[in-house]
Protein backbone atom coordinates (compact mmCIF):
# COMPACT_ATOMS: atom_id res chain seq x y z
CA MET A 1 3.90 -13.53 -13.54
CA ASP A 2 0.91 -11.70 -15.04
CA GLY A 3 1.04 -11.74 -18.82
CA ASP A 4 -1.27 -8.74 -19.12
CA VAL A 5 0.82 -6.61 -16.75
CA GLY A 6 4.12 -7.73 -18.22
CA ASP A 7 7.65 -7.67 -16.84
CA PHE A 8 9.86 -4.65 -16.19
CA ALA A 9 13.65 -4.41 -16.21
CA VAL A 10 13.14 -1.53 -13.77
CA GLY A 11 9.76 -0.90 -12.21
CA ASP A 12 7.59 -0.05 -9.25
CA VAL A 13 4.98 -1.97 -7.24
CA LEU A 14 2.47 0.11 -5.28
CA ILE A 15 0.92 -1.58 -2.26
CA VAL A 16 -2.10 -0.02 -0.54
CA GLY A 17 -3.19 -1.83 2.60
CA ASP A 18 -3.08 -5.55 1.90
CA ARG A 19 -3.30 -5.36 -1.89
CA VAL A 20 -1.23 -4.60 -4.94
CA ALA A 21 -2.63 -1.31 -6.26
CA ALA A 22 -0.43 -0.86 -9.32
CA VAL A 23 2.57 -2.31 -11.15
CA GLY A 24 4.44 -0.27 -13.74
CA ALA A 25 7.71 1.12 -15.02
CA SER A 26 7.32 4.23 -12.87
CA ILE A 27 4.53 5.00 -10.37
CA SER A 28 3.98 8.37 -8.74
CA ALA A 29 2.97 7.98 -5.09
CA PRO A 30 4.40 10.95 -3.15
CA GLU A 31 2.95 9.87 0.20
CA ALA A 32 4.14 6.26 0.00
CA VAL A 33 6.75 4.66 2.20
CA VAL A 34 9.44 3.54 -0.24
CA ILE A 35 11.24 0.21 -0.10
CA ASP A 36 14.39 0.54 -2.18
CA ALA A 37 14.50 -2.75 -4.06
CA ARG A 38 17.30 -1.89 -6.46
CA HIS A 39 19.47 -4.92 -7.25
CA HIS A 40 16.56 -7.20 -6.33
CA ILE A 41 14.09 -9.30 -8.28
CA VAL A 42 10.58 -8.35 -7.13
CA MET A 43 8.18 -11.22 -7.67
CA PRO A 44 5.10 -12.95 -6.21
CA GLY A 45 5.58 -15.33 -3.31
CA PHE A 46 5.64 -19.03 -4.04
CA CYS A 47 2.49 -21.06 -3.32
CA ASP A 48 2.80 -24.65 -2.06
CA PRO A 49 -0.40 -26.72 -1.99
CA HIS A 50 1.00 -29.82 -0.27
CA ILE A 51 3.17 -29.92 2.84
CA HIS A 52 2.65 -32.20 5.84
CA CYS A 53 3.69 -29.53 8.29
CA TRP A 54 3.32 -31.55 11.50
CA GLU A 55 6.53 -33.39 10.60
CA GLY A 56 8.68 -30.29 11.10
CA SER A 57 10.39 -31.56 14.27
CA LEU A 58 11.63 -34.57 12.28
CA GLY A 59 13.26 -32.71 9.41
CA ARG A 60 15.62 -34.75 7.24
CA ILE A 61 15.40 -37.75 9.54
CA ILE A 62 15.13 -40.18 6.60
CA PRO A 63 18.52 -40.21 4.87
CA GLU A 64 19.10 -41.76 1.48
CA ASN A 65 20.11 -45.14 2.88
CA ILE A 66 19.42 -46.51 6.37
CA PRO A 67 21.40 -49.65 7.28
CA GLN A 68 19.28 -52.71 7.94
CA THR A 69 21.02 -53.09 11.32
CA THR A 70 18.55 -50.55 12.67
CA GLU A 71 15.65 -53.01 12.39
CA ASP A 72 15.77 -54.03 16.04
CA ALA A 73 15.90 -50.39 17.16
CA ILE A 74 12.43 -49.62 15.82
CA GLY A 75 10.29 -52.62 16.45
CA GLY A 76 11.91 -55.13 14.14
CA ALA A 77 10.29 -53.61 11.02
CA PRO A 78 12.42 -53.46 7.87
CA VAL A 79 13.83 -50.00 7.34
CA SER A 80 15.33 -48.57 4.19
CA GLY A 81 15.75 -45.29 2.34
CA ARG A 82 12.16 -45.74 1.17
CA SER A 83 10.75 -46.00 4.67
CA TYR A 84 8.71 -42.82 4.82
CA MET A 85 5.35 -44.55 5.22
CA TYR A 86 6.66 -46.60 8.11
CA ALA A 87 8.61 -43.82 9.82
CA ALA A 88 5.96 -41.12 9.47
CA HIS A 89 2.74 -43.03 9.99
CA ARG A 90 3.51 -46.16 11.98
CA ALA A 91 6.36 -44.93 14.15
CA PHE A 92 6.25 -41.20 14.79
CA ALA A 93 2.66 -40.13 14.12
CA PRO A 94 1.10 -42.15 16.97
CA ALA A 95 3.72 -40.74 19.37
CA CYS A 96 2.83 -37.12 18.57
CA ARG A 97 1.30 -35.01 21.32
CA PRO A 98 -0.53 -31.76 20.53
CA GLU A 99 2.59 -29.82 21.47
CA ASP A 100 4.56 -31.83 18.90
CA ILE A 101 2.02 -30.93 16.25
CA TYR A 102 2.33 -27.24 17.16
CA ALA A 103 6.13 -27.21 17.21
CA GLY A 104 6.51 -29.14 13.97
CA THR A 105 3.86 -27.17 12.10
CA LEU A 106 5.22 -23.78 13.17
CA ASN A 107 8.77 -24.79 12.30
CA THR A 108 7.74 -25.96 8.84
CA LEU A 109 5.74 -22.82 8.08
CA LEU A 110 8.52 -20.51 9.22
CA ALA A 111 10.90 -22.44 6.96
CA ALA A 112 8.46 -21.89 4.10
CA LEU A 113 8.19 -18.15 4.76
CA ASN A 114 11.95 -17.83 5.09
CA GLY A 115 12.32 -19.28 1.59
CA GLY A 116 9.67 -17.06 0.01
CA ILE A 117 6.71 -19.48 0.16
CA THR A 118 3.88 -17.17 1.16
CA THR A 119 0.95 -19.59 0.73
CA VAL A 120 0.85 -23.15 2.12
CA VAL A 121 -1.80 -25.86 2.29
CA ASP A 122 -0.99 -27.85 5.43
CA ASN A 123 -2.04 -31.41 4.60
CA MET A 124 -2.58 -32.48 8.22
CA HIS A 125 -2.92 -36.27 8.27
CA ASN A 126 -2.30 -36.67 12.00
CA ALA A 127 -5.50 -35.26 13.55
CA ARG A 128 -5.56 -37.74 16.45
CA SER A 129 -7.78 -35.63 18.68
CA PRO A 130 -9.45 -32.22 18.65
CA GLU A 131 -6.44 -30.98 20.62
CA HIS A 132 -4.08 -32.16 17.89
CA SER A 133 -6.13 -30.33 15.28
CA ASP A 134 -6.28 -27.17 17.38
CA ALA A 135 -2.50 -27.22 17.75
CA GLY A 136 -2.03 -27.42 13.98
CA VAL A 137 -4.44 -24.58 13.29
CA GLU A 138 -2.99 -22.38 16.02
CA ALA A 139 0.52 -22.84 14.63
CA LEU A 140 -0.79 -21.93 11.18
CA LEU A 141 -2.37 -18.74 12.51
CA ALA A 142 0.75 -17.87 14.50
CA SER A 143 3.10 -18.27 11.56
CA GLY A 144 1.89 -15.34 9.46
CA VAL A 145 1.59 -17.36 6.26
CA ARG A 146 -1.40 -17.34 3.93
CA GLY A 147 -2.52 -20.80 4.85
CA VAL A 148 -5.05 -23.55 4.38
CA HIS A 149 -5.53 -26.17 7.09
CA ALA A 150 -6.44 -29.40 5.27
CA VAL A 151 -7.67 -31.61 8.09
CA GLY A 152 -7.43 -35.37 7.68
CA ARG A 153 -7.33 -38.53 9.71
CA PRO A 154 -4.19 -40.46 10.71
CA ARG A 155 -3.00 -43.29 8.52
CA ALA A 156 -2.08 -45.73 11.31
CA GLY A 157 -2.38 -46.35 15.04
CA THR A 158 -5.31 -45.37 17.22
CA TRP A 159 -6.99 -42.00 17.53
CA ALA A 160 -10.04 -40.34 19.01
CA ASP A 161 -11.93 -40.59 15.71
CA PRO A 162 -12.55 -36.83 15.46
CA PHE A 163 -12.57 -36.80 11.66
CA PRO A 164 -14.59 -35.83 9.72
CA ALA A 165 -17.06 -34.71 12.39
CA ASP A 166 -14.54 -32.43 14.11
CA ALA A 167 -14.12 -30.45 10.90
CA ARG A 168 -17.35 -28.61 11.72
CA ARG A 169 -15.97 -27.49 15.08
CA LEU A 170 -12.71 -26.34 13.48
CA ARG A 171 -14.59 -24.30 10.90
CA ASP A 172 -16.79 -22.63 13.50
CA ARG A 173 -13.95 -21.92 15.92
CA TYR A 174 -11.20 -20.74 13.61
CA PHE A 175 -12.44 -20.02 10.10
CA GLY A 176 -15.21 -17.53 9.55
CA ASP A 177 -14.80 -14.59 7.19
CA ASP A 178 -14.09 -15.59 3.58
CA ASP A 179 -11.48 -12.83 3.45
CA ASP A 180 -9.45 -14.31 6.31
CA LEU A 181 -5.78 -14.96 5.72
CA CYS A 182 -6.31 -18.62 6.58
CA SER A 183 -9.00 -21.12 5.62
CA MET A 184 -9.64 -24.85 5.78
CA ARG A 185 -10.44 -27.83 3.59
CA LEU A 186 -10.72 -31.60 3.92
CA PHE A 187 -7.79 -33.93 3.31
CA ALA A 188 -9.00 -37.27 1.98
CA ALA A 189 -5.81 -39.30 2.28
CA GLY A 190 -6.42 -42.90 3.29
CA PHE A 191 -10.08 -42.98 2.24
CA ASP A 192 -11.03 -45.52 -0.42
CA ASP A 193 -14.69 -44.88 0.45
CA LEU A 194 -15.72 -41.21 0.52
CA THR A 195 -19.23 -41.88 1.86
CA ASP A 196 -18.57 -40.22 5.21
CA LEU A 197 -16.66 -37.30 3.73
CA LEU A 198 -18.97 -36.15 0.96
CA PRO A 199 -21.81 -34.88 3.19
CA VAL A 200 -19.33 -32.96 5.35
CA ARG A 201 -17.71 -31.47 2.28
CA LYS A 202 -21.10 -30.35 1.01
CA GLU A 203 -22.14 -28.88 4.36
CA LEU A 204 -18.88 -26.97 4.89
CA ASP A 205 -18.59 -26.00 1.21
CA VAL A 206 -14.82 -26.52 1.09
CA TRP A 207 -12.09 -27.87 -1.13
CA PHE A 208 -10.78 -31.44 -1.08
CA SER A 209 -7.10 -32.36 -1.14
CA PHE A 210 -6.10 -35.89 -2.17
CA ASP A 211 -2.88 -37.85 -2.05
CA SER A 212 -2.60 -41.02 -4.10
CA GLY A 213 -5.87 -42.94 -4.15
CA ILE A 214 -8.17 -40.67 -6.12
CA GLU A 215 -7.55 -42.91 -9.12
CA LYS A 216 -9.64 -45.56 -7.30
CA GLN A 217 -12.72 -43.35 -7.32
CA ASP A 218 -15.50 -43.32 -9.90
CA LEU A 219 -14.63 -39.82 -11.05
CA ALA A 220 -17.25 -39.71 -13.80
CA ARG A 221 -20.03 -40.38 -11.29
CA LEU A 222 -18.64 -38.01 -8.68
CA TYR A 223 -18.50 -35.14 -11.15
CA ALA A 224 -21.84 -36.02 -12.70
CA ASP A 225 -23.74 -36.04 -9.38
CA GLY A 226 -22.06 -32.88 -8.07
CA SER A 227 -20.08 -34.55 -5.28
CA PHE A 228 -16.96 -33.20 -6.98
CA ASP A 229 -17.19 -29.68 -8.34
CA GLY A 230 -13.70 -28.67 -9.48
CA ARG A 231 -12.47 -27.72 -6.03
CA GLU A 232 -10.25 -30.78 -5.83
CA ALA A 233 -6.46 -30.60 -5.52
CA ILE A 234 -4.61 -33.82 -6.31
CA ASN A 235 -1.16 -34.15 -4.75
CA HIS A 236 1.45 -36.22 -6.63
CA ALA A 237 -1.04 -36.66 -9.49
CA ASN A 238 0.33 -40.10 -10.30
CA PHE A 239 -1.49 -43.24 -11.42
CA LEU A 240 -4.59 -41.67 -13.04
CA SER A 241 -5.52 -42.96 -16.47
CA ARG A 242 -5.67 -40.63 -19.43
CA ASP A 243 -9.48 -40.58 -19.25
CA GLN A 244 -9.38 -39.81 -15.53
CA ARG A 245 -6.93 -36.98 -16.12
CA GLN A 246 -9.23 -35.52 -18.75
CA LEU A 247 -12.19 -35.63 -16.37
CA VAL A 248 -10.16 -33.75 -13.75
CA ILE A 249 -9.08 -31.15 -16.29
CA ASP A 250 -12.49 -30.71 -17.90
CA ASN A 251 -14.08 -30.11 -14.50
CA GLY A 252 -11.58 -27.47 -13.44
CA ALA A 253 -9.75 -29.36 -10.68
CA GLN A 254 -6.05 -28.88 -9.90
CA VAL A 255 -2.97 -31.07 -9.58
CA ASN A 256 0.51 -30.66 -8.14
CA VAL A 257 3.67 -32.72 -8.45
CA CYS A 258 6.60 -33.23 -6.07
CA PRO A 259 9.86 -33.44 -8.05
CA ARG A 260 12.24 -34.28 -5.21
CA ILE A 261 9.95 -36.68 -3.34
CA GLU A 262 9.01 -38.56 -6.50
CA SER A 263 12.70 -39.04 -7.30
CA GLN A 264 13.25 -40.50 -3.83
CA PHE A 265 10.16 -42.67 -3.38
CA ARG A 266 8.55 -43.22 -6.78
CA TYR A 267 11.54 -44.03 -8.93
CA GLY A 268 11.65 -40.63 -10.61
CA ARG A 269 8.12 -40.76 -12.01
CA ILE A 270 7.04 -37.11 -12.14
CA PRO A 271 3.79 -36.89 -14.17
CA TYR A 272 4.27 -33.26 -15.18
CA ASP A 273 4.30 -33.66 -18.95
CA GLU A 274 1.28 -35.95 -19.21
CA TRP A 275 -0.89 -33.34 -17.48
CA VAL A 276 0.51 -30.49 -19.57
CA GLU A 277 -0.08 -32.44 -22.78
CA GLN A 278 -3.78 -32.78 -21.84
CA GLY A 279 -4.19 -29.12 -20.93
CA LEU A 280 -3.31 -28.52 -17.26
CA ARG A 281 0.01 -27.28 -15.91
CA PRO A 282 0.62 -28.71 -12.42
CA GLY A 283 1.71 -26.76 -9.38
CA LEU A 284 4.80 -27.75 -7.39
CA SER A 285 4.86 -28.98 -3.80
CA ASN A 286 7.49 -29.93 -1.21
CA ASP A 287 5.37 -32.72 0.35
CA ASN A 288 7.22 -33.68 3.54
CA PRO A 289 10.01 -32.12 5.60
CA MET A 290 11.10 -35.51 6.97
CA THR A 291 13.00 -36.15 3.75
CA TYR A 292 14.07 -32.75 2.43
CA ALA A 293 14.25 -29.17 3.60
CA ILE A 294 11.28 -27.04 2.52
CA ASP A 295 12.69 -25.20 -0.49
CA MET A 296 10.74 -24.18 -3.60
CA PHE A 297 13.94 -23.25 -5.43
CA ALA A 298 15.08 -26.85 -5.05
CA GLU A 299 11.75 -28.15 -6.38
CA MET A 300 11.97 -25.91 -9.44
CA ARG A 301 15.55 -26.97 -10.09
CA ALA A 302 14.71 -30.66 -9.69
CA LEU A 303 11.85 -30.36 -12.17
CA HIS A 304 14.05 -28.44 -14.59
CA LEU A 305 16.79 -31.09 -14.46
CA VAL A 306 14.39 -34.02 -14.89
CA GLN A 307 12.72 -32.25 -17.79
CA ARG A 308 16.05 -31.70 -19.52
CA VAL A 309 17.14 -35.31 -18.96
CA ASP A 310 13.87 -36.54 -20.49
CA GLN A 311 14.31 -34.16 -23.39
CA HIS A 312 17.80 -35.47 -24.15
CA ARG A 313 16.77 -39.10 -23.82
CA SER A 314 13.47 -39.11 -25.66
CA GLY A 315 13.25 -35.84 -27.52
CA SER A 316 10.15 -34.86 -25.54
CA ALA A 317 9.13 -31.25 -25.11
CA SER A 318 10.46 -29.54 -22.01
CA ALA A 319 8.93 -26.88 -19.79
CA THR A 320 10.45 -23.44 -20.15
CA LEU A 321 11.88 -21.58 -17.18
CA ARG A 322 8.85 -19.29 -17.15
CA GLU A 323 6.49 -22.28 -17.14
CA ILE A 324 8.36 -23.84 -14.22
CA LEU A 325 8.16 -20.55 -12.31
CA GLN A 326 4.46 -20.38 -13.18
CA SER A 327 4.03 -23.81 -11.56
CA ALA A 328 5.67 -22.54 -8.38
CA THR A 329 3.55 -19.39 -8.22
CA GLN A 330 0.22 -19.03 -10.04
CA GLN A 331 -0.45 -22.73 -10.56
CA GLY A 332 0.37 -23.39 -6.93
CA ALA A 333 -2.03 -20.63 -5.93
CA ASN A 334 -4.74 -22.24 -8.05
CA ASN A 335 -4.15 -25.54 -6.20
CA CYS A 336 -4.40 -23.67 -2.89
CA GLY A 337 -7.78 -22.27 -3.93
CA VAL A 338 -6.45 -18.69 -3.80
CA GLY A 339 -5.56 -18.16 -7.44
CA ASP A 340 -7.74 -15.06 -7.59
CA VAL A 341 -5.83 -13.33 -4.78
CA ALA A 342 -2.28 -14.75 -4.99
CA GLY A 343 0.28 -16.16 -7.41
CA SER A 344 1.10 -13.06 -9.46
CA LEU A 345 1.80 -9.36 -9.03
CA THR A 346 -1.56 -8.26 -10.37
CA PRO A 347 -3.33 -5.05 -9.36
CA GLY A 348 -6.17 -6.00 -7.03
CA LYS A 349 -4.54 -9.18 -5.74
CA LYS A 350 -3.19 -9.50 -2.21
CA ALA A 351 0.31 -8.15 -1.64
CA ASP A 352 2.23 -11.41 -1.24
CA VAL A 353 5.63 -10.29 -2.50
CA ILE A 354 9.21 -11.49 -2.19
CA LEU A 355 12.52 -9.80 -2.95
CA VAL A 356 15.40 -11.89 -4.32
CA ASP A 357 18.85 -10.37 -3.94
CA ALA A 358 20.51 -10.30 -7.35
CA SER A 359 23.68 -8.59 -6.14
CA ALA A 360 25.14 -11.68 -4.45
CA PRO A 361 28.13 -13.24 -6.26
CA HIS A 362 26.18 -16.26 -7.55
CA LEU A 363 23.52 -14.02 -9.16
CA PHE A 364 25.72 -11.15 -10.35
CA PRO A 365 25.96 -9.76 -12.98
CA ARG A 366 22.26 -9.52 -13.70
CA ASN A 367 21.31 -11.18 -16.96
CA ASN A 368 18.26 -13.39 -17.39
CA VAL A 369 15.81 -13.03 -14.51
CA LEU A 370 14.12 -16.40 -15.10
CA ALA A 371 17.43 -18.26 -15.12
CA SER A 372 18.44 -16.37 -11.99
CA VAL A 373 15.33 -17.44 -10.06
CA VAL A 374 14.94 -21.01 -11.32
CA GLN A 375 18.57 -22.02 -11.86
CA GLY A 376 20.57 -19.77 -9.58
CA ALA A 377 18.74 -18.46 -6.51
CA GLY A 378 18.11 -20.20 -3.21
CA VAL A 379 16.50 -19.68 0.16
CA GLU A 380 19.40 -17.46 1.19
CA SER A 381 18.62 -15.16 -1.75
CA VAL A 382 15.23 -14.14 -0.31
CA THR A 383 15.92 -10.95 1.62
CA ALA A 384 12.35 -9.71 2.18
CA VAL A 385 8.87 -11.27 2.28
CA LEU A 386 5.48 -9.59 2.50
CA VAL A 387 2.25 -11.48 3.17
CA ASN A 388 -1.04 -9.62 2.86
CA GLY A 389 0.93 -6.39 2.70
CA ARG A 390 2.70 -7.08 6.00
CA VAL A 391 6.48 -7.47 6.17
CA VAL A 392 7.35 -10.88 7.69
CA LYS A 393 10.99 -11.09 6.59
CA TRP A 394 13.36 -8.14 6.28
CA ASP A 395 17.07 -7.87 5.57
CA GLY A 396 17.32 -11.65 5.44
CA ARG A 397 15.65 -12.30 8.82
CA LEU A 398 12.17 -13.31 9.88
CA ILE A 399 10.69 -10.58 12.04
CA GLY A 400 8.28 -10.79 14.96
CA VAL A 401 9.42 -14.36 15.63
CA ASP A 402 11.32 -15.58 18.70
CA LEU A 403 13.43 -18.14 16.88
CA ASP A 404 15.20 -19.21 20.05
CA GLU A 405 11.84 -20.17 21.56
CA VAL A 406 10.79 -21.92 18.35
CA ARG A 407 14.03 -23.91 18.34
CA ARG A 408 13.55 -24.81 22.00
CA ARG A 409 10.06 -26.17 21.30
CA VAL A 410 11.24 -28.08 18.24
CA GLN A 411 14.23 -29.60 20.03
CA GLU A 412 12.06 -30.74 22.93
CA SER A 413 9.57 -32.25 20.50
CA HIS A 414 12.33 -33.90 18.47
CA ASP A 415 13.89 -35.49 21.56
CA HIS A 416 10.54 -36.73 22.85
CA LEU A 417 9.58 -38.31 19.53
CA LEU A 418 12.90 -40.07 18.99
CA ASP A 419 12.83 -41.42 22.53
CA ALA A 420 9.18 -42.49 22.21
CA VAL A 421 9.86 -44.73 19.20
CA ASN A 422 13.43 -45.68 20.16
CA TRP A 423 14.81 -44.06 17.02
CA PRO A 424 18.58 -43.53 16.93
CA HIS A 425 19.65 -39.97 17.79
CA ALA A 426 22.82 -39.95 15.65
CA ALA A 427 23.00 -36.79 13.56
CA VAL A 428 25.37 -38.19 10.92
CA ASP A 429 24.42 -41.80 10.40
CA PHE A 430 23.30 -44.80 12.40
CA ASP A 431 26.76 -46.32 12.57
CA ASP A 432 28.16 -43.53 14.78
């Protein structure tokens, strides 16, 4: 994914310490430990700038259609297949304990690593107390991912009002050295007025992440007075006017889109092309594990299919396979604020590398590598993952992780949360 380095039908990647030292057709390194990656695609790890990791104990709990007969079961509120805002923020989020935050966040991040996502921004919009925030950060550090903790306030219910003031404590306690594997930023979801956030952002000198709502801000003023400085990542990237989009682009900010979530909740409106047409290619993000499994291959495929449908219907230009893969790697890294160290196999960058098995029946024989990754591969195809030069998945299994203990924590959290909000436990549908 580095145009200057190029691609190789057969090649070598030399890793020294935590960095890529060289990429080429043939590298002489007599003292190196050799990983035989024949029959594999060697590529940079995916980079996801927008996952609400705390929801990991509630994975796929919102099916496509929920019968209205469940209204009485959860407080009499209308429930439908578009009920994410209610389920996540009004029902489950207030019931979360710190241990639920830890279990859900760790589960989500391990799912990301298992599928080759080596960098994640955890958009944590359930910081109900300092203990909740600590649990999210500690799960991030325990996971082994290259991660960014984007701390934000809850969207509903009551909380200890630790945000944004508690961000200073988090920075001092957990995030020091600029070269650390993990860092932090502010998540501005739910804020129409940024008055309280801007001084904290300036003091901590960090990125902002936004969900929908940034279109309500006076972007021209914010960029003109230095409150915004290009270190803004806009999730979903919907609803901005053309002039607002141009301001974002001209000032060097980043955007990411969520192909599967938009198709479920926003009627298929994925604003990928309108950003590309004005000069910025978005990254891709999974958004929330309550609706779908964390899977960057699925996001790429969803974007590819929507692009082709639009092309057939309207004759619009369509992203190439390489451009879609670029969105999942380098453009995602740019959104994560780590584009200079991740997103491509470039000498000098950190060694975040994944191996995709091309010998499996659905990827054999080996023909076009881009079609294989974007249109054919899946989570099960990722046989090895390195983060910062350290092997975290090998021979198809996460290593150094007690998955039985993780599953125990997640199951306990899941059962507590469903009981706390009186949510049906049925695993198939609510009629069983």
